[in-house]
């Protein structure tokens, strides 16, 4: 059951990233770009989670997962700070 939930989370994050980035390409509203990049990173984070928990059970990928998640949230934070006021 956990494999299904991890996979659904990855697919949901990927769908959100695609929708946000597609909307950015249409409107050129830069906050959509930063949000889309954040969700793209969260998709990578969820894929690493699936690999960590399901595929490579003997290898610990938690450091990589946390680094990708941190980078993704920092991208969104940067976008909120730099683009939020305009």
PDB file of N, CA and C in Angstrom:
ATOM      1  N   UNK A   1       0.819  -1.197   0.000  1.00  0.00           N
ATOM      2  CA  UNK A   1       0.000   0.000   0.000  1.00  0.00           C
ATOM      3  C   UNK A   1       0.863   1.261   0.000  1.00  0.00           C
ATOM      4  N   UNK A   2       1.981   1.231   0.724  1.00  0.00           N
ATOM      5  CA  UNK A   2       2.834   2.413   0.779  1.00  0.00           C
ATOM      6  C   UNK A   2       3.451   2.728  -0.570  1.00  0.00           C
ATOM      7  N   UNK A   3       3.739   1.711  -1.375  1.00  0.00           N
ATOM      8  CA  UNK A   3       4.296   1.934  -2.708  1.00  0.00           C
ATOM      9  C   UNK A   3       3.319   2.723  -3.570  1.00  0.00           C
ATOM     10  N   UNK A   4       2.051   2.386  -3.457  1.00  0.00           N
ATOM     11  CA  UNK A   4       1.020   3.084  -4.218  1.00  0.00           C
ATOM     12  C   UNK A   4       0.911   4.543  -3.780  1.00  0.00           C
ATOM     13  N   UNK A   5       0.932   4.774  -2.499  1.00  0.00           N
ATOM     14  CA  UNK A   5       0.809   6.141  -1.987  1.00  0.00           C
ATOM     15  C   UNK A   5       2.011   6.982  -2.392  1.00  0.00           C
ATOM     16  N   UNK A   6       3.224   6.426  -2.282  1.00  0.00           N
ATOM     17  CA  UNK A   6       4.422   7.157  -2.706  1.00  0.00           C
ATOM     18  C   UNK A   6       4.347   7.515  -4.191  1.00  0.00           C
ATOM     19  N   UNK A   7       3.898   6.564  -4.991  1.00  0.00           N
ATOM     20  CA  UNK A   7       3.800   6.799  -6.430  1.00  0.00           C
ATOM     21  C   UNK A   7       2.734   7.840  -6.749  1.00  0.00           C
ATOM     22  N   UNK A   8       1.615   7.783  -6.061  1.00  0.00           N
ATOM     23  CA  UNK A   8       0.561   8.778  -6.286  1.00  0.00           C
ATOM     24  C   UNK A   8       1.022  10.177  -5.902  1.00  0.00           C
ATOM     25  N   UNK A   9       1.795  10.280  -4.829  1.00  0.00           N
ATOM     26  CA  UNK A   9       2.344  11.589  -4.436  1.00  0.00           C
ATOM     27  C   UNK A   9       3.280  12.130  -5.508  1.00  0.00           C
ATOM     28  N   UNK A  10       4.106  11.264  -6.073  1.00  0.00           N
ATOM     29  CA  UNK A  10       5.026  11.692  -7.136  1.00  0.00           C
ATOM     30  C   UNK A  10       4.247  12.142  -8.367  1.00  0.00           C
ATOM     31  N   UNK A  11       3.216  11.399  -8.733  1.00  0.00           N
ATOM     32  CA  UNK A  11       2.426  11.771  -9.906  1.00  0.00           C
ATOM     33  C   UNK A  11       1.648  13.061  -9.675  1.00  0.00           C
ATOM     34  N   UNK A  12       1.163  13.269  -8.475  1.00  0.00           N
ATOM     35  CA  UNK A  12       0.437  14.499  -8.159  1.00  0.00           C
ATOM     36  C   UNK A  12       1.369  15.707  -8.232  1.00  0.00           C
ATOM     37  N   UNK A  13       2.562  15.575  -7.681  1.00  0.00           N
ATOM     38  CA  UNK A  13       3.527  16.675  -7.744  1.00  0.00           C
ATOM     39  C   UNK A  13       3.938  16.953  -9.193  1.00  0.00           C
ATOM     40  N   UNK A  14       4.087  15.903  -9.984  1.00  0.00           N
ATOM     41  CA  UNK A  14       4.437  16.078 -11.393  1.00  0.00           C
ATOM     42  C   UNK A  14       3.312  16.779 -12.151  1.00  0.00           C
ATOM     43  N   UNK A  15       2.075  16.395 -11.876  1.00  0.00           N
ATOM     44  CA  UNK A  15       0.942  17.040 -12.535  1.00  0.00           C
ATOM     45  C   UNK A  15       0.864  18.521 -12.150  1.00  0.00           C
ATOM     46  N   UNK A  16       1.088  18.823 -10.889  1.00  0.00           N
ATOM     47  CA  UNK A  16       1.068  20.220 -10.451  1.00  0.00           C
ATOM     48  C   UNK A  16       2.183  21.007 -11.127  1.00  0.00           C
ATOM     49  N   UNK A  17       3.363  20.412 -11.243  1.00  0.00           N
ATOM     50  CA  UNK A  17       4.483  21.086 -11.900  1.00  0.00           C
ATOM     51  C   UNK A  17       4.163  21.369 -13.366  1.00  0.00           C
ATOM     52  N   UNK A  18       3.610  20.388 -14.048  1.00  0.00           N
ATOM     53  CA  UNK A  18       3.271  20.566 -15.466  1.00  0.00           C
ATOM     54  C   UNK A  18       2.223  21.660 -15.632  1.00  0.00           C
ATOM     55  N   UNK A  19       1.186  21.628 -14.808  1.00  0.00           N
ATOM     56  CA  UNK A  19       0.131  22.638 -14.920  1.00  0.00           C
ATOM     57  C   UNK A  19       0.649  24.041 -14.618  1.00  0.00           C
ATOM     58  N   UNK A  20       1.485  24.166 -13.586  1.00  0.00           N
ATOM     59  CA  UNK A  20       2.032  25.477 -13.244  1.00  0.00           C
ATOM     60  C   UNK A  20       2.964  25.999 -14.328  1.00  0.00           C
ATOM     61  N   UNK A  21       3.841  25.149 -14.833  1.00  0.00           N
ATOM     62  CA  UNK A  21       4.781  25.593 -15.863  1.00  0.00           C
ATOM     63  C   UNK A  21       4.068  25.888 -17.182  1.00  0.00           C
ATOM     64  N   UNK A  22       3.042  25.113 -17.497  1.00  0.00           N
ATOM     65  CA  UNK A  22       2.263  25.387 -18.708  1.00  0.00           C
ATOM     66  C   UNK A  22       1.527  26.723 -18.591  1.00  0.00           C
ATOM     67  N   UNK A  23       1.000  26.983 -17.412  1.00  0.00           N
ATOM     68  CA  UNK A  23       0.335  28.260 -17.181  1.00  0.00           C
ATOM     69  C   UNK A  23       1.334  29.413 -17.245  1.00  0.00           C
ATOM     70  N   UNK A  24       2.545  29.185 -16.752  1.00  0.00           N
ATOM     71  CA  UNK A  24       3.581  30.216 -16.846  1.00  0.00           C
ATOM     72  C   UNK A  24       3.891  30.542 -18.307  1.00  0.00           C
ATOM     73  N   UNK A  25       3.983  29.516 -19.137  1.00  0.00           N
ATOM     74  CA  UNK A  25       4.288  29.753 -20.546  1.00  0.00           C
ATOM     75  C   UNK A  25       3.196  30.552 -21.240  1.00  0.00           C
ATOM     76  N   UNK A  26       1.961  30.394 -20.786  1.00  0.00           N
ATOM     77  CA  UNK A  26       0.858  31.155 -21.362  1.00  0.00           C
ATOM     78  C   UNK A  26       0.814  32.597 -20.862  1.00  0.00           C
ATOM     79  N   UNK A  27       1.011  32.807 -19.571  1.00  0.00           N
ATOM     80  CA  UNK A  27       0.790  34.121 -18.977  1.00  0.00           C
ATOM     81  C   UNK A  27       2.065  34.903 -18.679  1.00  0.00           C
ATOM     82  N   UNK A  28       3.189  34.216 -18.577  1.00  0.00           N
ATOM     83  CA  UNK A  28       4.482  34.813 -18.209  1.00  0.00           C
ATOM     84  C   UNK A  28       4.447  35.477 -16.832  1.00  0.00           C
ATOM     85  N   UNK A  29       3.568  34.997 -15.960  1.00  0.00           N
ATOM     86  CA  UNK A  29       3.527  35.466 -14.572  1.00  0.00           C
ATOM     87  C   UNK A  29       4.600  34.687 -13.824  1.00  0.00           C
ATOM     88  N   UNK A  30       5.657  35.380 -13.371  1.00  0.00           N
ATOM     89  CA  UNK A  30       6.871  34.711 -12.900  1.00  0.00           C
ATOM     90  C   UNK A  30       6.679  33.898 -11.629  1.00  0.00           C
ATOM     91  N   UNK A  31       5.696  34.230 -10.819  1.00  0.00           N
ATOM     92  CA  UNK A  31       5.456  33.436  -9.623  1.00  0.00           C
ATOM     93  C   UNK A  31       5.027  32.010  -9.984  1.00  0.00           C
ATOM     94  N   UNK A  32       4.366  31.859 -11.120  1.00  0.00           N
ATOM     95  CA  UNK A  32       4.024  30.521 -11.602  1.00  0.00           C
ATOM     96  C   UNK A  32       5.278  29.727 -11.963  1.00  0.00           C
ATOM     97  N   UNK A  33       6.285  30.406 -12.495  1.00  0.00           N
ATOM     98  CA  UNK A  33       7.553  29.746 -12.811  1.00  0.00           C
ATOM     99  C   UNK A  33       8.195  29.191 -11.551  1.00  0.00           C
ATOM    100  N   UNK A  34       8.299  30.027 -10.510  1.00  0.00           N
ATOM    101  CA  UNK A  34       8.948  29.586  -9.281  1.00  0.00           C
ATOM    102  C   UNK A  34       8.156  28.459  -8.615  1.00  0.00           C
ATOM    103  N   UNK A  35       6.841  28.558  -8.665  1.00  0.00           N
ATOM    104  CA  UNK A  35       6.013  27.495  -8.093  1.00  0.00           C
ATOM    105  C   UNK A  35       6.154  26.206  -8.889  1.00  0.00           C
ATOM    106  N   UNK A  36       6.201  26.324 -10.203  1.00  0.00           N
ATOM    107  CA  UNK A  36       6.378  25.145 -11.045  1.00  0.00           C
ATOM    108  C   UNK A  36       7.725  24.476 -10.829  1.00  0.00           C
ATOM    109  N   UNK A  37       8.766  25.286 -10.672  1.00  0.00           N
ATOM    110  CA  UNK A  37      10.092  24.722 -10.399  1.00  0.00           C
ATOM    111  C   UNK A  37      10.131  24.053  -9.029  1.00  0.00           C
ATOM    112  N   UNK A  38       9.441  24.641  -8.076  1.00  0.00           N
ATOM    113  CA  UNK A  38       9.360  24.030  -6.746  1.00  0.00           C
ATOM    114  C   UNK A  38       8.694  22.664  -6.833  1.00  0.00           C
ATOM    115  N   UNK A  39       7.575  22.582  -7.533  1.00  0.00           N
ATOM    116  CA  UNK A  39       6.884  21.306  -7.652  1.00  0.00           C
ATOM    117  C   UNK A  39       7.664  20.306  -8.506  1.00  0.00           C
ATOM    118  N   UNK A  40       8.443  20.789  -9.450  1.00  0.00           N
ATOM    119  CA  UNK A  40       9.314  19.875 -10.200  1.00  0.00           C
ATOM    120  C   UNK A  40      10.350  19.260  -9.263  1.00  0.00           C
ATOM    121  N   UNK A  41      10.907  20.088  -8.381  1.00  0.00           N
ATOM    122  CA  UNK A  41      11.843  19.562  -7.394  1.00  0.00           C
ATOM    123  C   UNK A  41      11.170  18.618  -6.416  1.00  0.00           C
ATOM    124  N   UNK A  42       9.949  18.928  -6.023  1.00  0.00           N
ATOM    125  CA  UNK A  42       9.221  18.028  -5.132  1.00  0.00           C
ATOM    126  C   UNK A  42       8.877  16.712  -5.827  1.00  0.00           C
ATOM    127  N   UNK A  43       8.707  16.759  -7.137  1.00  0.00           N
ATOM    128  CA  UNK A  43       8.520  15.516  -7.894  1.00  0.00           C
ATOM    129  C   UNK A  43       9.776  14.663  -7.818  1.00  0.00           C
ATOM    130  N   UNK A  44      10.931  15.299  -8.002  1.00  0.00           N
ATOM    131  CA  UNK A  44      12.202  14.574  -7.876  1.00  0.00           C
ATOM    132  C   UNK A  44      12.343  14.009  -6.465  1.00  0.00           C
ATOM    133  N   UNK A  45      11.949  14.795  -5.480  1.00  0.00           N
ATOM    134  CA  UNK A  45      11.991  14.342  -4.096  1.00  0.00           C
ATOM    135  C   UNK A  45      11.126  13.094  -3.905  1.00  0.00           C
ATOM    136  N   UNK A  46       9.928  13.097  -4.462  1.00  0.00           N
ATOM    137  CA  UNK A  46       9.042  11.943  -4.323  1.00  0.00           C
ATOM    138  C   UNK A  46       9.542  10.736  -5.096  1.00  0.00           C
ATOM    139  N   UNK A  47      10.164  10.962  -6.237  1.00  0.00           N
ATOM    140  CA  UNK A  47      10.754   9.845  -6.987  1.00  0.00           C
ATOM    141  C   UNK A  47      11.907   9.240  -6.187  1.00  0.00           C
ATOM    142  N   UNK A  48      12.715  10.107  -5.580  1.00  0.00           N
ATOM    143  CA  UNK A  48      13.788   9.591  -4.719  1.00  0.00           C
ATOM    144  C   UNK A  48      13.225   8.824  -3.522  1.00  0.00           C
ATOM    145  N   UNK A  49      12.084   9.250  -3.015  1.00  0.00           N
ATOM    146  CA  UNK A  49      11.441   8.531  -1.924  1.00  0.00           C
ATOM    147  C   UNK A  49      11.031   7.135  -2.366  1.00  0.00           C
ATOM    148  N   UNK A  50      10.452   7.026  -3.554  1.00  0.00           N
ATOM    149  CA  UNK A  50      10.073   5.706  -4.078  1.00  0.00           C
ATOM    150  C   UNK A  50      11.311   4.841  -4.257  1.00  0.00           C
ATOM    151  N   UNK A  51      12.367   5.428  -4.819  1.00  0.00           N
ATOM    152  CA  UNK A  51      13.602   4.668  -5.005  1.00  0.00           C
ATOM    153  C   UNK A  51      14.197   4.243  -3.666  1.00  0.00           C
ATOM    154  N   UNK A  52      14.135   5.137  -2.689  1.00  0.00           N
ATOM    155  CA  UNK A  52      14.709   4.862  -1.376  1.00  0.00           C
ATOM    156  C   UNK A  52      13.945   3.767  -0.645  1.00  0.00           C
ATOM    157  N   UNK A  53      12.634   3.852  -0.650  1.00  0.00           N
ATOM    158  CA  UNK A  53      11.814   2.929   0.141  1.00  0.00           C
ATOM    159  C   UNK A  53      11.471   1.632  -0.566  1.00  0.00           C
ATOM    160  N   UNK A  54      11.430   1.656  -1.904  1.00  0.00           N
ATOM    161  CA  UNK A  54      10.942   0.486  -2.640  1.00  0.00           C
ATOM    162  C   UNK A  54      12.060  -0.220  -3.399  1.00  0.00           C
ATOM    163  N   UNK A  55      12.874   0.540  -4.140  1.00  0.00           N
ATOM    164  CA  UNK A  55      13.844  -0.081  -5.041  1.00  0.00           C
ATOM    165  C   UNK A  55      15.160  -0.376  -4.337  1.00  0.00           C
ATOM    166  N   UNK A  56      15.772   0.648  -3.769  1.00  0.00           N
ATOM    167  CA  UNK A  56      17.077   0.496  -3.129  1.00  0.00           C
ATOM    168  C   UNK A  56      16.904   0.505  -1.614  1.00  0.00           C
ATOM    169  N   UNK A  57      16.405  -0.567  -1.072  1.00  0.00           N
ATOM    170  CA  UNK A  57      16.113  -0.602   0.366  1.00  0.00           C
ATOM    171  C   UNK A  57      17.381  -0.640   1.218  1.00  0.00           C
ATOM    172  N   UNK A  58      18.491  -1.100   0.651  1.00  0.00           N
ATOM    173  CA  UNK A  58      19.731  -1.200   1.420  1.00  0.00           C
ATOM    174  C   UNK A  58      20.514   0.119   1.444  1.00  0.00           C
ATOM    175  N   UNK A  59      20.142   1.051   0.568  1.00  0.00           N
ATOM    176  CA  UNK A  59      20.849   2.322   0.458  1.00  0.00           C
ATOM    177  C   UNK A  59      19.979   3.420   1.070  1.00  0.00           C
ATOM    178  N   UNK A  60      20.615   4.314   1.832  1.00  0.00           N
ATOM    179  CA  UNK A  60      19.892   5.415   2.454  1.00  0.00           C
ATOM    180  C   UNK A  60      19.998   6.663   1.574  1.00  0.00           C
ATOM    181  N   UNK A  61      18.891   7.067   0.982  1.00  0.00           N
ATOM    182  CA  UNK A  61      18.861   8.249   0.130  1.00  0.00           C
ATOM    183  C   UNK A  61      18.221   9.451   0.824  1.00  0.00           C
ATOM    184  N   UNK A  62      18.095   9.380   2.136  1.00  0.00           N
ATOM    185  CA  UNK A  62      17.384  10.449   2.839  1.00  0.00           C
ATOM    186  C   UNK A  62      18.111  11.784   2.748  1.00  0.00           C
ATOM    187  N   UNK A  63      19.423  11.778   2.736  1.00  0.00           N
ATOM    188  CA  UNK A  63      20.170  13.039   2.613  1.00  0.00           C
ATOM    189  C   UNK A  63      19.901  13.696   1.265  1.00  0.00           C
ATOM    190  N   UNK A  64      19.895  12.905   0.222  1.00  0.00           N
ATOM    191  CA  UNK A  64      19.607  13.435  -1.114  1.00  0.00           C
ATOM    192  C   UNK A  64      18.171  13.945  -1.206  1.00  0.00           C
ATOM    193  N   UNK A  65      17.252  13.194  -0.620  1.00  0.00           N
ATOM    194  CA  UNK A  65      15.846  13.618  -0.634  1.00  0.00           C
ATOM    195  C   UNK A  65      15.673  14.952   0.076  1.00  0.00           C
ATOM    196  N   UNK A  66      16.289  15.076   1.248  1.00  0.00           N
ATOM    197  CA  UNK A  66      16.160  16.316   2.010  1.00  0.00           C
ATOM    198  C   UNK A  66      16.838  17.489   1.305  1.00  0.00           C
ATOM    199  N   UNK A  67      17.954  17.230   0.636  1.00  0.00           N
ATOM    200  CA  UNK A  67      18.640  18.296  -0.101  1.00  0.00           C
ATOM    201  C   UNK A  67      17.788  18.787  -1.271  1.00  0.00           C
ATOM    202  N   UNK A  68      17.159  17.866  -1.974  1.00  0.00           N
ATOM    203  CA  UNK A  68      16.291  18.251  -3.097  1.00  0.00           C
ATOM    204  C   UNK A  68      15.066  19.005  -2.582  1.00  0.00           C
ATOM    205  N   UNK A  69      14.490  18.545  -1.485  1.00  0.00           N
ATOM    206  CA  UNK A  69      13.328  19.226  -0.911  1.00  0.00           C
ATOM    207  C   UNK A  69      13.697  20.632  -0.452  1.00  0.00           C
ATOM    208  N   UNK A  70      14.851  20.780   0.178  1.00  0.00           N
ATOM    209  CA  UNK A  70      15.305  22.097   0.621  1.00  0.00           C
ATOM    210  C   UNK A  70      15.517  23.029  -0.560  1.00  0.00           C
ATOM    211  N   UNK A  71      16.158  22.544  -1.605  1.00  0.00           N
ATOM    212  CA  UNK A  71      16.387  23.366  -2.793  1.00  0.00           C
ATOM    213  C   UNK A  71      15.058  23.779  -3.428  1.00  0.00           C
ATOM    214  N   UNK A  72      14.094  22.889  -3.444  1.00  0.00           N
ATOM    215  CA  UNK A  72      12.790  23.192  -4.034  1.00  0.00           C
ATOM    216  C   UNK A  72      12.068  24.272  -3.244  1.00  0.00           C
ATOM    217  N   UNK A  73      12.068  24.140  -1.936  1.00  0.00           N
ATOM    218  CA  UNK A  73      11.387  25.129  -1.104  1.00  0.00           C
ATOM    219  C   UNK A  73      12.125  26.462  -1.154  1.00  0.00           C
ATOM    220  N   UNK A  74      13.450  26.442  -1.247  1.00  0.00           N
ATOM    221  CA  UNK A  74      14.208  27.685  -1.373  1.00  0.00           C
ATOM    222  C   UNK A  74      13.904  28.392  -2.692  1.00  0.00           C
ATOM    223  N   UNK A  75      13.676  27.622  -3.764  1.00  0.00           N
ATOM    224  CA  UNK A  75      13.274  28.233  -5.027  1.00  0.00           C
ATOM    225  C   UNK A  75      11.942  28.960  -4.878  1.00  0.00           C
ATOM    226  N   UNK A  76      11.000  28.321  -4.231  1.00  0.00           N
ATOM    227  CA  UNK A  76       9.701  28.949  -4.027  1.00  0.00           C
ATOM    228  C   UNK A  76       9.829  30.165  -3.116  1.00  0.00           C
ATOM    229  N   UNK A  77      10.625  30.062  -2.071  1.00  0.00           N
ATOM    230  CA  UNK A  77      10.830  31.194  -1.166  1.00  0.00           C
ATOM    231  C   UNK A  77      11.460  32.373  -1.901  1.00  0.00           C
ATOM    232  N   UNK A  78      12.443  32.098  -2.730  1.00  0.00           N
ATOM    233  CA  UNK A  78      13.064  33.153  -3.533  1.00  0.00           C
ATOM    234  C   UNK A  78      12.023  33.818  -4.432  1.00  0.00           C
ATOM    235  N   UNK A  79      11.220  32.996  -5.079  1.00  0.00           N
ATOM    236  CA  UNK A  79      10.181  33.544  -5.953  1.00  0.00           C
ATOM    237  C   UNK A  79       9.179  34.379  -5.203  1.00  0.00           C
ATOM    238  N   UNK A  80       8.801  33.945  -4.016  1.00  0.00           N
ATOM    239  CA  UNK A  80       7.846  34.709  -3.224  1.00  0.00           C
ATOM    240  C   UNK A  80       8.426  36.044  -2.777  1.00  0.00           C
ATOM    241  N   UNK A  81       9.701  36.042  -2.407  1.00  0.00           N
ATOM    242  CA  UNK A  81      10.340  37.284  -1.953  1.00  0.00           C
ATOM    243  C   UNK A  81      10.565  38.234  -3.126  1.00  0.00           C
ATOM    244  N   UNK A  82      11.094  37.741  -4.214  1.00  0.00           N
ATOM    245  CA  UNK A  82      11.470  38.612  -5.329  1.00  0.00           C
ATOM    246  C   UNK A  82      10.283  39.014  -6.205  1.00  0.00           C
ATOM    247  N   UNK A  83       9.304  38.152  -6.352  1.00  0.00           N
ATOM    248  CA  UNK A  83       8.200  38.436  -7.265  1.00  0.00           C
ATOM    249  C   UNK A  83       6.918  38.791  -6.539  1.00  0.00           C
ATOM    250  N   UNK A  84       6.859  38.532  -5.251  1.00  0.00           N
ATOM    251  CA  UNK A  84       5.619  38.754  -4.514  1.00  0.00           C
ATOM    252  C   UNK A  84       5.240  40.226  -4.390  1.00  0.00           C
ATOM    253  N   UNK A  85       6.203  41.104  -4.341  1.00  0.00           N
ATOM    254  CA  UNK A  85       5.921  42.514  -4.159  1.00  0.00           C
ATOM    255  C   UNK A  85       5.498  43.221  -5.432  1.00  0.00           C
ATOM    256  N   UNK A  86       5.772  42.619  -6.587  1.00  0.00           N
ATOM    257  CA  UNK A  86       5.452  43.310  -7.842  1.00  0.00           C
ATOM    258  C   UNK A  86       4.150  42.880  -8.435  1.00  0.00           C
TER     259      UNK A  86
END
